[in-house]
Amino acid sequence: MDIDRAVQSRIVRTLVAGQVLAGLGLGATVAVGAILAADLGGETLSGAAATSSTLGAALVSIPLARLAARWGRRPALALGAGVAAGGSLITVVAVGVAFFPLLILGFAMLGVGTAVGLQARFAATDVAAPQHRGRDLSLVVWSTTIGAVAGPNLVGPGEAIAQWLSLPTNTGSFVFAIVAQLAAMMLYLVALRPDPLTLARNRPVDAAVAADAGIVRGKGPLVFAVAAIAISHAVMVSIMAMTPVHLSHHGASLTIIGFTISLHIAGMYALSPVFGWASDRFGRIPTILIGQGFFAASVVVVALGELSNTAVTVGLVLLGLGWSASTVAGSALVADLATGKTKLRIQGRSDTIMSLAGALGGGFAGPILAMVGYAGLAWGAGVLVLIIVVAALVVWRSASVAAAEELLLAESADAAS
């Protein structure tokens, strides 16, 4: 058992380091992606940056899971990081030649880095003890904070590098992304030993128990878990992707936009261990509901304070917290319910659905922003939040009823004996 804990600790540390590096690329590009898309394709297509990135993640999630199933987590994560580095390079070229389709390709390849991060969080659960899955998963999610928060603030230094290298305006951040992703690729190849998935295959199948008392295995809870992750991601992406464009139209500088996105990303990742602990301690569904509460607060603050940079920033922080709680708890629930030979397939499908939902959110966000404005976009996202809350309460009630029935049957059996 001590050896298992030591190995798991080393695996988590490596995944954490990889996510720190990947976060540099993510944070640096999110802040300027919508602006680049708007410059080349017009405001209506400003959401194409987030859309193509999430579509790229969706397209490779299942292939990466299959690669991991065949060869292990290490080559799958390393390959994904390398593709993301190539996407950063293509994005710089696309801006230089002012070719919008090439820009979309670059962002799609950058999305592969997102898929790597999603797979890394599940990699942290491969040999984790069931009662600590939420904690270990959340530590990997949290580690993105360091790079992702620093990333948007590299926009200014990135422009200095762009001028020094004679690169197009607003592309200096992608130089940081290239270096960071290549470093992450080498880290996974060298340091992720032993491979967590190989270790998991050599251990007995763990009869995982969901952290919510009464949650039973079956299609319903698993479908809910995947849907909660996906819809929460759509809510986050739809509002986040349009925030740089909205702030830019109201005169905010790139520095202010970068700072706002930094705080948003801090909300997404900084408190992940708290939500991981909460999901282990109080249950997955209650923690998902906490996330929806943060989402609801974000919608109200953003919609009512759209003309205030301060209000928008506060709303973006709340948006990040909602995403964090919902994603950590939902992913832990998927890890609880998906075991054995179907585990990787279910994880890959969950990541694909999550990314597709984000792509739809980002894709519709641009036209919605143009039609009804930033506040209208926020209220529309609020409808999705309500859907998750209702579904969570239904599943939670069904689980409570099932637990009560099992307890009654057990008591009856004891009385009869």
Protein backbone atom coordinates (compact mmCIF):
# COMPACT_ATOMS: atom_id res chain seq x y z
CA MET A 1 0.00 0.00 0.00
CA ASP A 2 2.89 2.40 0.83
CA ILE A 3 4.41 1.60 -2.56
CA ASP A 4 1.08 2.31 -4.24
CA ARG A 5 0.85 5.69 -2.51
CA ALA A 6 4.41 6.57 -3.47
CA VAL A 7 3.84 5.63 -7.11
CA GLN A 8 0.55 7.51 -7.26
CA SER A 9 2.22 10.56 -5.71
CA ARG A 10 4.94 10.49 -8.41
CA ILE A 11 2.35 10.10 -11.17
CA VAL A 12 0.32 13.03 -9.87
CA ARG A 13 3.44 15.22 -9.57
CA THR A 14 4.37 14.53 -13.20
CA LEU A 15 0.84 15.25 -14.40
CA VAL A 16 0.81 18.44 -12.34
CA ALA A 17 4.07 19.64 -13.92
CA GLY A 18 2.74 18.88 -17.40
CA GLN A 19 -0.42 20.84 -16.74
CA VAL A 20 1.55 23.83 -15.48
CA LEU A 21 3.37 23.96 -18.81
CA ALA A 22 0.21 23.36 -20.83
CA GLY A 23 -1.53 26.12 -18.91
CA LEU A 24 0.99 28.66 -20.16
CA GLY A 25 -0.10 27.94 -23.70
CA LEU A 26 -3.80 27.88 -22.84
CA GLY A 27 -3.83 31.13 -20.90
CA ALA A 28 -1.70 33.03 -23.38
CA THR A 29 -3.91 32.15 -26.34
CA VAL A 30 -7.39 32.41 -24.79
CA ALA A 31 -6.88 36.12 -24.14
CA VAL A 32 -6.24 37.00 -27.80
CA GLY A 33 -7.92 34.15 -29.71
CA ALA A 34 -11.30 35.83 -30.13
CA ILE A 35 -9.63 39.10 -31.08
CA LEU A 36 -7.55 37.44 -33.81
CA ALA A 37 -10.62 35.65 -35.16
CA ALA A 38 -12.59 38.91 -35.18
CA ASP A 39 -9.75 40.72 -36.96
CA LEU A 40 -9.55 38.12 -39.74
CA GLY A 41 -13.15 36.95 -39.96
CA GLY A 42 -15.30 39.73 -38.51
CA GLU A 43 -17.20 39.99 -35.23
CA THR A 44 -19.77 37.34 -36.16
CA LEU A 45 -16.95 34.81 -36.42
CA SER A 46 -15.18 35.95 -33.26
CA GLY A 47 -16.36 32.82 -31.50
CA ALA A 48 -14.64 30.66 -34.10
CA ALA A 49 -11.44 30.61 -32.04
CA ALA A 50 -13.11 28.90 -29.08
CA THR A 51 -15.27 26.79 -31.39
CA SER A 52 -12.41 25.41 -33.46
CA SER A 53 -10.31 24.80 -30.35
CA THR A 54 -13.05 22.81 -28.67
CA LEU A 55 -13.83 20.97 -31.89
CA GLY A 56 -10.16 20.03 -32.14
CA ALA A 57 -10.33 18.65 -28.61
CA ALA A 58 -13.52 16.77 -29.47
CA LEU A 59 -12.06 15.19 -32.60
CA VAL A 60 -9.00 13.78 -30.86
CA SER A 61 -10.42 12.79 -27.46
CA ILE A 62 -11.51 9.32 -28.56
CA PRO A 63 -8.39 8.67 -30.71
CA LEU A 64 -6.19 9.73 -27.77
CA ALA A 65 -8.13 7.39 -25.48
CA ARG A 66 -7.67 4.55 -27.99
CA LEU A 67 -3.96 5.32 -28.25
CA ALA A 68 -3.73 5.24 -24.46
CA ALA A 69 -5.62 1.93 -24.38
CA ARG A 70 -3.11 0.44 -26.81
CA TRP A 71 0.18 2.00 -25.69
CA GLY A 72 -0.49 3.75 -22.36
CA ARG A 73 -1.04 7.28 -21.12
CA ARG A 74 2.55 8.42 -21.71
CA PRO A 75 2.67 8.37 -25.54
CA ALA A 76 -0.90 9.64 -25.81
CA LEU A 77 -0.24 12.70 -23.65
CA ALA A 78 3.13 13.41 -25.30
CA LEU A 79 1.71 13.21 -28.83
CA GLY A 80 -1.14 15.55 -27.93
CA ALA A 81 1.24 18.14 -26.50
CA GLY A 82 3.35 17.99 -29.66
CA VAL A 83 0.32 18.57 -31.88
CA ALA A 84 -0.67 21.58 -29.74
CA ALA A 85 2.81 23.05 -30.21
CA GLY A 86 2.36 22.68 -33.97
CA GLY A 87 -1.00 24.45 -33.70
CA SER A 88 0.65 27.46 -32.06
CA LEU A 89 3.13 27.69 -34.92
CA ILE A 90 0.40 27.45 -37.56
CA THR A 91 -1.60 30.18 -35.81
CA VAL A 92 1.32 32.59 -36.08
CA VAL A 93 1.70 31.79 -39.78
CA ALA A 94 -2.05 32.21 -40.36
CA VAL A 95 -2.06 35.71 -38.88
CA GLY A 96 1.03 36.60 -40.90
CA VAL A 97 -0.60 35.63 -44.20
CA ALA A 98 -4.08 36.82 -43.06
CA PHE A 99 -5.70 33.49 -44.00
CA PHE A 100 -8.71 32.76 -41.79
CA PRO A 101 -9.10 29.02 -42.58
CA LEU A 102 -5.47 28.42 -41.59
CA LEU A 103 -6.13 30.27 -38.33
CA ILE A 104 -9.02 27.89 -37.65
CA LEU A 105 -6.74 24.91 -38.28
CA GLY A 106 -4.18 26.31 -35.86
CA PHE A 107 -6.76 26.75 -33.11
CA ALA A 108 -8.13 23.27 -33.76
CA MET A 109 -4.65 21.84 -33.22
CA LEU A 110 -4.28 23.96 -30.09
CA GLY A 111 -7.46 22.28 -28.90
CA VAL A 112 -5.56 19.00 -28.80
CA GLY A 113 -3.73 20.48 -25.81
CA THR A 114 -7.09 20.80 -24.09
CA ALA A 115 -7.80 17.15 -24.81
CA VAL A 116 -4.46 16.27 -23.22
CA GLY A 117 -5.46 18.14 -20.08
CA LEU A 118 -8.79 16.33 -19.96
CA GLN A 119 -7.11 12.95 -20.32
CA ALA A 120 -4.50 13.89 -17.72
CA ARG A 121 -7.18 14.41 -15.07
CA PHE A 122 -8.48 10.88 -15.69
CA ALA A 123 -4.90 9.56 -15.69
CA ALA A 124 -4.67 10.79 -12.09
CA THR A 125 -7.47 8.36 -11.17
CA ASP A 126 -6.04 5.24 -12.85
CA VAL A 127 -4.47 3.89 -9.65
CA ALA A 128 -5.96 6.30 -7.12
CA ALA A 129 -7.79 4.97 -4.07
CA PRO A 130 -11.58 5.30 -4.60
CA GLN A 131 -11.98 7.59 -1.58
CA HIS A 132 -9.32 9.96 -2.95
CA ARG A 133 -10.27 10.07 -6.65
CA GLY A 134 -11.81 13.52 -6.39
CA ARG A 135 -8.78 14.89 -4.58
CA ASP A 136 -6.17 13.46 -6.98
CA LEU A 137 -8.16 14.46 -10.05
CA SER A 138 -8.65 17.98 -8.70
CA LEU A 139 -4.93 18.42 -8.03
CA VAL A 140 -4.19 17.89 -11.72
CA VAL A 141 -7.00 20.30 -12.65
CA TRP A 142 -5.67 22.82 -10.12
CA SER A 143 -2.14 22.71 -11.48
CA THR A 144 -3.28 24.39 -14.68
CA THR A 145 -3.80 27.51 -12.55
CA ILE A 146 -0.14 28.45 -12.44
CA GLY A 147 0.43 28.54 -16.17
CA ALA A 148 -3.07 29.56 -17.17
CA VAL A 149 -3.18 32.58 -14.87
CA ALA A 150 0.32 33.68 -15.89
CA GLY A 151 -0.45 33.07 -19.58
CA PRO A 152 -2.82 35.99 -20.29
CA ASN A 153 -0.41 38.33 -18.54
CA LEU A 154 2.26 37.26 -21.02
CA VAL A 155 0.38 39.12 -23.77
CA GLY A 156 2.45 42.27 -23.13
CA PRO A 157 5.85 40.52 -22.99
CA GLY A 158 4.72 38.43 -25.93
CA GLU A 159 4.28 41.55 -28.03
CA ALA A 160 7.84 42.58 -27.20
CA ILE A 161 9.03 39.18 -28.40
CA ALA A 162 6.85 39.47 -31.51
CA GLN A 163 8.46 42.80 -32.39
CA TRP A 164 11.93 41.39 -31.77
CA LEU A 165 11.20 38.39 -34.02
CA SER A 166 9.29 40.52 -36.54
CA LEU A 167 6.10 38.49 -35.97
CA PRO A 168 2.55 39.78 -36.61
CA THR A 169 0.75 41.78 -33.93
CA ASN A 170 -0.92 39.77 -31.13
CA THR A 171 1.04 36.59 -31.92
CA GLY A 172 3.86 36.85 -29.41
CA SER A 173 1.91 34.81 -26.85
CA PHE A 174 2.03 31.82 -29.15
CA VAL A 175 5.82 31.74 -28.91
CA PHE A 176 5.41 30.99 -25.22
CA ALA A 177 2.82 28.36 -26.11
CA ILE A 178 5.19 26.58 -28.51
CA VAL A 179 8.00 26.36 -25.96
CA ALA A 180 5.67 25.30 -23.13
CA GLN A 181 3.95 22.54 -25.10
CA LEU A 182 7.23 21.10 -26.36
CA ALA A 183 8.52 21.06 -22.79
CA ALA A 184 5.35 19.27 -21.67
CA MET A 185 5.80 16.68 -24.42
CA MET A 186 9.33 15.87 -23.26
CA LEU A 187 8.20 15.74 -19.63
CA TYR A 188 5.52 13.14 -20.35
CA LEU A 189 7.92 11.02 -22.41
CA VAL A 190 10.69 11.05 -19.81
CA ALA A 191 9.03 11.35 -16.41
CA LEU A 192 5.66 9.58 -16.61
CA ARG A 193 7.12 6.27 -15.54
CA PRO A 194 5.64 3.90 -14.60
CA ASP A 195 2.70 4.47 -16.90
CA PRO A 196 -0.42 4.74 -14.70
CA LEU A 197 -2.63 2.88 -17.15
CA THR A 198 -0.19 -0.03 -17.36
CA LEU A 199 -0.18 -0.21 -13.57
CA ALA A 200 -3.97 -0.15 -13.48
CA ARG A 201 -4.19 -3.09 -15.91
CA ASN A 202 -1.97 -5.17 -13.64
CA ARG A 203 -4.18 -4.60 -10.63
CA PRO A 204 -7.51 -6.25 -9.78
CA VAL A 205 -10.52 -4.36 -11.08
CA ASP A 206 -11.60 -2.03 -8.31
CA ALA A 207 -15.24 -2.14 -7.41
CA ALA A 208 -15.48 1.61 -7.11
CA VAL A 209 -18.23 3.07 -5.01
CA ALA A 210 -19.63 6.47 -5.93
CA ALA A 211 -19.15 9.07 -3.26
CA ASP A 212 -22.85 9.94 -3.16
CA ALA A 213 -24.55 7.58 -0.74
CA GLY A 214 -27.09 5.58 -2.66
CA ILE A 215 -25.72 6.26 -6.14
CA VAL A 216 -25.98 2.94 -7.91
CA ARG A 217 -24.33 1.80 -11.09
CA GLY A 218 -26.41 2.19 -14.18
CA LYS A 219 -26.91 4.24 -17.30
CA GLY A 220 -28.88 7.05 -15.68
CA PRO A 221 -26.26 8.40 -13.24
CA LEU A 222 -23.49 8.03 -15.82
CA VAL A 223 -25.49 9.88 -18.49
CA PHE A 224 -26.18 12.63 -15.99
CA ALA A 225 -22.50 12.91 -15.05
CA VAL A 226 -21.43 13.26 -18.69
CA ALA A 227 -24.25 15.74 -19.42
CA ALA A 228 -23.43 17.86 -16.37
CA ILE A 229 -19.80 18.15 -17.46
CA ALA A 230 -20.73 18.96 -21.06
CA ILE A 231 -23.45 21.54 -20.36
CA SER A 232 -21.33 23.24 -17.70
CA HIS A 233 -18.52 23.51 -20.23
CA ALA A 234 -20.90 25.03 -22.80
CA VAL A 235 -22.05 27.63 -20.27
CA MET A 236 -18.47 28.57 -19.43
CA VAL A 237 -17.18 28.71 -23.01
CA SER A 238 -20.12 30.71 -24.39
CA ILE A 239 -19.67 33.56 -21.92
CA MET A 240 -15.89 33.42 -21.61
CA ALA A 241 -15.24 33.37 -25.36
CA MET A 242 -17.17 36.59 -25.96
CA THR A 243 -15.82 38.51 -22.98
CA PRO A 244 -12.62 39.75 -24.72
CA VAL A 245 -14.68 40.99 -27.66
CA HIS A 246 -17.23 42.67 -25.37
CA LEU A 247 -14.55 44.39 -23.28
CA SER A 248 -12.63 45.44 -26.39
CA HIS A 249 -15.74 47.10 -27.83
CA HIS A 250 -16.12 49.07 -24.61
CA GLY A 251 -12.58 50.43 -24.77
CA ALA A 252 -10.74 47.99 -22.51
CA SER A 253 -7.04 47.58 -23.24
CA LEU A 254 -5.34 44.26 -23.89
CA THR A 255 -3.83 44.50 -20.43
CA ILE A 256 -7.27 44.77 -18.79
CA ILE A 257 -8.62 41.97 -20.97
CA GLY A 258 -5.66 39.77 -20.08
CA PHE A 259 -6.12 40.51 -16.36
CA THR A 260 -9.83 39.67 -16.54
CA ILE A 261 -9.18 36.36 -18.28
CA SER A 262 -6.42 35.61 -15.76
CA LEU A 263 -8.84 35.98 -12.86
CA HIS A 264 -11.42 33.90 -14.72
CA ILE A 265 -8.92 31.09 -15.24
CA ALA A 266 -7.88 31.39 -11.59
CA GLY A 267 -11.52 30.78 -10.72
CA MET A 268 -11.55 27.75 -13.00
CA TYR A 269 -8.56 26.07 -11.39
CA ALA A 270 -7.34 27.63 -8.13
CA LEU A 271 -10.00 26.11 -5.85
CA SER A 272 -10.20 22.77 -7.63
CA PRO A 273 -8.67 20.88 -4.65
CA VAL A 274 -11.39 22.35 -2.42
CA PHE A 275 -14.08 21.08 -4.77
CA GLY A 276 -12.29 17.74 -5.08
CA TRP A 277 -12.26 17.40 -1.30
CA ALA A 278 -15.92 18.44 -1.15
CA SER A 279 -16.89 15.83 -3.74
CA ASP A 280 -15.08 13.12 -1.76
CA ARG A 281 -16.52 14.31 1.55
CA PHE A 282 -20.07 15.45 0.74
CA GLY A 283 -20.77 13.75 -2.58
CA ARG A 284 -20.47 14.36 -6.30
CA ILE A 285 -24.00 15.65 -6.95
CA PRO A 286 -24.06 18.17 -4.07
CA THR A 287 -20.78 19.57 -5.37
CA ILE A 288 -22.19 19.80 -8.89
CA LEU A 289 -25.12 21.77 -7.45
CA ILE A 290 -22.66 24.11 -5.73
CA GLY A 291 -21.12 24.71 -9.14
CA GLN A 292 -24.49 25.58 -10.63
CA GLY A 293 -25.02 28.07 -7.81
CA PHE A 294 -21.81 29.84 -8.84
CA PHE A 295 -23.00 29.80 -12.46
CA ALA A 296 -26.33 31.37 -11.51
CA ALA A 297 -24.56 34.14 -9.59
CA SER A 298 -22.26 34.74 -12.56
CA VAL A 299 -25.17 35.07 -14.98
CA VAL A 300 -26.88 37.68 -12.79
CA VAL A 301 -23.71 39.73 -12.20
CA VAL A 302 -22.65 39.69 -15.86
CA ALA A 303 -26.10 40.44 -17.24
CA LEU A 304 -26.85 43.30 -14.86
CA GLY A 305 -23.32 44.74 -14.88
CA GLU A 306 -22.31 44.32 -18.51
CA LEU A 307 -21.19 47.96 -18.81
CA SER A 308 -18.85 47.72 -15.82
CA ASN A 309 -15.42 46.15 -16.27
CA THR A 310 -15.37 45.36 -12.55
CA ALA A 311 -18.74 43.59 -12.65
CA VAL A 312 -17.73 41.60 -15.73
CA THR A 313 -14.51 40.55 -14.00
CA VAL A 314 -16.40 39.42 -10.87
CA GLY A 315 -18.86 37.55 -13.06
CA LEU A 316 -16.03 35.81 -14.90
CA VAL A 317 -14.47 34.68 -11.60
CA LEU A 318 -17.83 33.22 -10.50
CA LEU A 319 -18.13 31.58 -13.91
CA GLY A 320 -14.75 29.91 -13.41
CA LEU A 321 -15.71 28.67 -9.94
CA GLY A 322 -18.92 27.16 -11.31
CA TRP A 323 -17.01 25.35 -14.03
CA SER A 324 -14.45 24.07 -11.52
CA ALA A 325 -16.94 22.58 -9.06
CA SER A 326 -19.08 21.03 -11.80
CA THR A 327 -16.20 19.62 -13.83
CA VAL A 328 -14.25 18.18 -10.89
CA ALA A 329 -17.28 16.54 -9.28
CA GLY A 330 -18.72 15.38 -12.61
CA SER A 331 -15.40 13.88 -13.72
CA ALA A 332 -14.99 12.11 -10.38
CA LEU A 333 -18.46 10.64 -10.80
CA VAL A 334 -17.55 9.39 -14.28
CA ALA A 335 -14.38 7.82 -12.84
CA ASP A 336 -16.49 6.16 -10.13
CA LEU A 337 -18.99 4.65 -12.55
CA ALA A 338 -16.75 3.80 -15.54
CA THR A 339 -14.45 0.89 -14.70
CA GLY A 340 -13.04 -2.21 -16.35
CA LYS A 341 -12.66 -2.60 -20.11
CA THR A 342 -15.14 0.18 -20.91
CA LYS A 343 -13.36 2.80 -18.79
CA LEU A 344 -11.23 4.45 -21.46
CA ARG A 345 -13.98 4.35 -24.05
CA ILE A 346 -16.40 6.10 -21.70
CA GLN A 347 -13.77 8.63 -20.65
CA GLY A 348 -12.97 9.41 -24.28
CA ARG A 349 -16.65 9.82 -25.14
CA SER A 350 -17.16 12.06 -22.12
CA ASP A 351 -14.31 14.31 -23.21
CA THR A 352 -15.61 14.37 -26.79
CA ILE A 353 -19.12 15.32 -25.71
CA MET A 354 -17.71 17.96 -23.37
CA SER A 355 -15.64 19.49 -26.16
CA LEU A 356 -18.50 19.38 -28.66
CA ALA A 357 -20.75 21.13 -26.16
CA GLY A 358 -18.08 23.79 -25.73
CA ALA A 359 -17.80 24.13 -29.50
CA LEU A 360 -21.54 24.65 -29.80
CA GLY A 361 -21.45 27.17 -26.98
CA GLY A 362 -18.61 29.11 -28.57
CA GLY A 363 -20.09 28.82 -32.06
CA PHE A 364 -23.50 30.18 -31.11
CA ALA A 365 -22.05 32.80 -28.77
CA GLY A 366 -20.83 35.07 -31.58
CA PRO A 367 -24.16 35.36 -33.43
CA ILE A 368 -26.06 35.63 -30.12
CA LEU A 369 -23.76 38.44 -29.00
CA ALA A 370 -24.39 40.25 -32.27
CA MET A 371 -28.18 39.81 -31.96
CA VAL A 372 -29.00 40.31 -28.27
CA GLY A 373 -25.79 41.60 -26.73
CA TYR A 374 -23.64 40.39 -23.85
CA ALA A 375 -26.45 40.42 -21.28
CA GLY A 376 -28.73 38.41 -23.56
CA LEU A 377 -25.95 35.85 -24.01
CA ALA A 378 -25.63 35.51 -20.23
CA TRP A 379 -29.38 35.03 -19.68
CA GLY A 380 -29.40 32.36 -22.39
CA ALA A 381 -26.62 30.50 -20.58
CA GLY A 382 -28.73 30.70 -17.42
CA VAL A 383 -31.34 28.46 -19.05
CA LEU A 384 -28.71 25.71 -19.40
CA VAL A 385 -27.83 26.10 -15.71
CA LEU A 386 -31.47 25.53 -14.78
CA ILE A 387 -31.52 22.32 -16.83
CA ILE A 388 -28.55 20.90 -14.92
CA VAL A 389 -30.06 21.81 -11.55
CA VAL A 390 -33.32 20.03 -12.34
CA ALA A 391 -31.53 16.94 -13.66
CA ALA A 392 -29.23 16.83 -10.62
CA LEU A 393 -32.16 16.97 -8.21
CA VAL A 394 -33.95 14.19 -10.08
CA VAL A 395 -30.90 11.89 -10.04
CA TRP A 396 -30.13 12.74 -6.42
CA ARG A 397 -33.71 11.98 -5.35
CA SER A 398 -33.68 8.68 -7.28
CA ALA A 399 -30.40 7.76 -5.60
CA SER A 400 -31.81 8.58 -2.17
CA VAL A 401 -34.88 6.45 -2.83
CA ALA A 402 -32.69 3.57 -4.01
CA ALA A 403 -30.52 3.86 -0.89
CA ALA A 404 -33.58 3.87 1.36
CA GLU A 405 -35.00 0.79 -0.37
CA GLU A 406 -31.66 -1.06 -0.03
CA LEU A 407 -31.51 -0.17 3.67
CA LEU A 408 -35.09 -1.35 4.21
CA LEU A 409 -34.37 -4.65 2.44
CA ALA A 410 -31.22 -5.13 4.52
CA GLU A 411 -33.13 -4.50 7.75
CA SER A 412 -35.88 -6.89 6.67
CA ALA A 413 -33.31 -9.58 5.90
CA ASP A 414 -31.69 -9.08 9.32
CA ALA A 415 -35.05 -9.30 11.05
CA ALA A 416 -35.96 -12.48 9.18
CA SER A 417 -32.69 -14.14 10.11
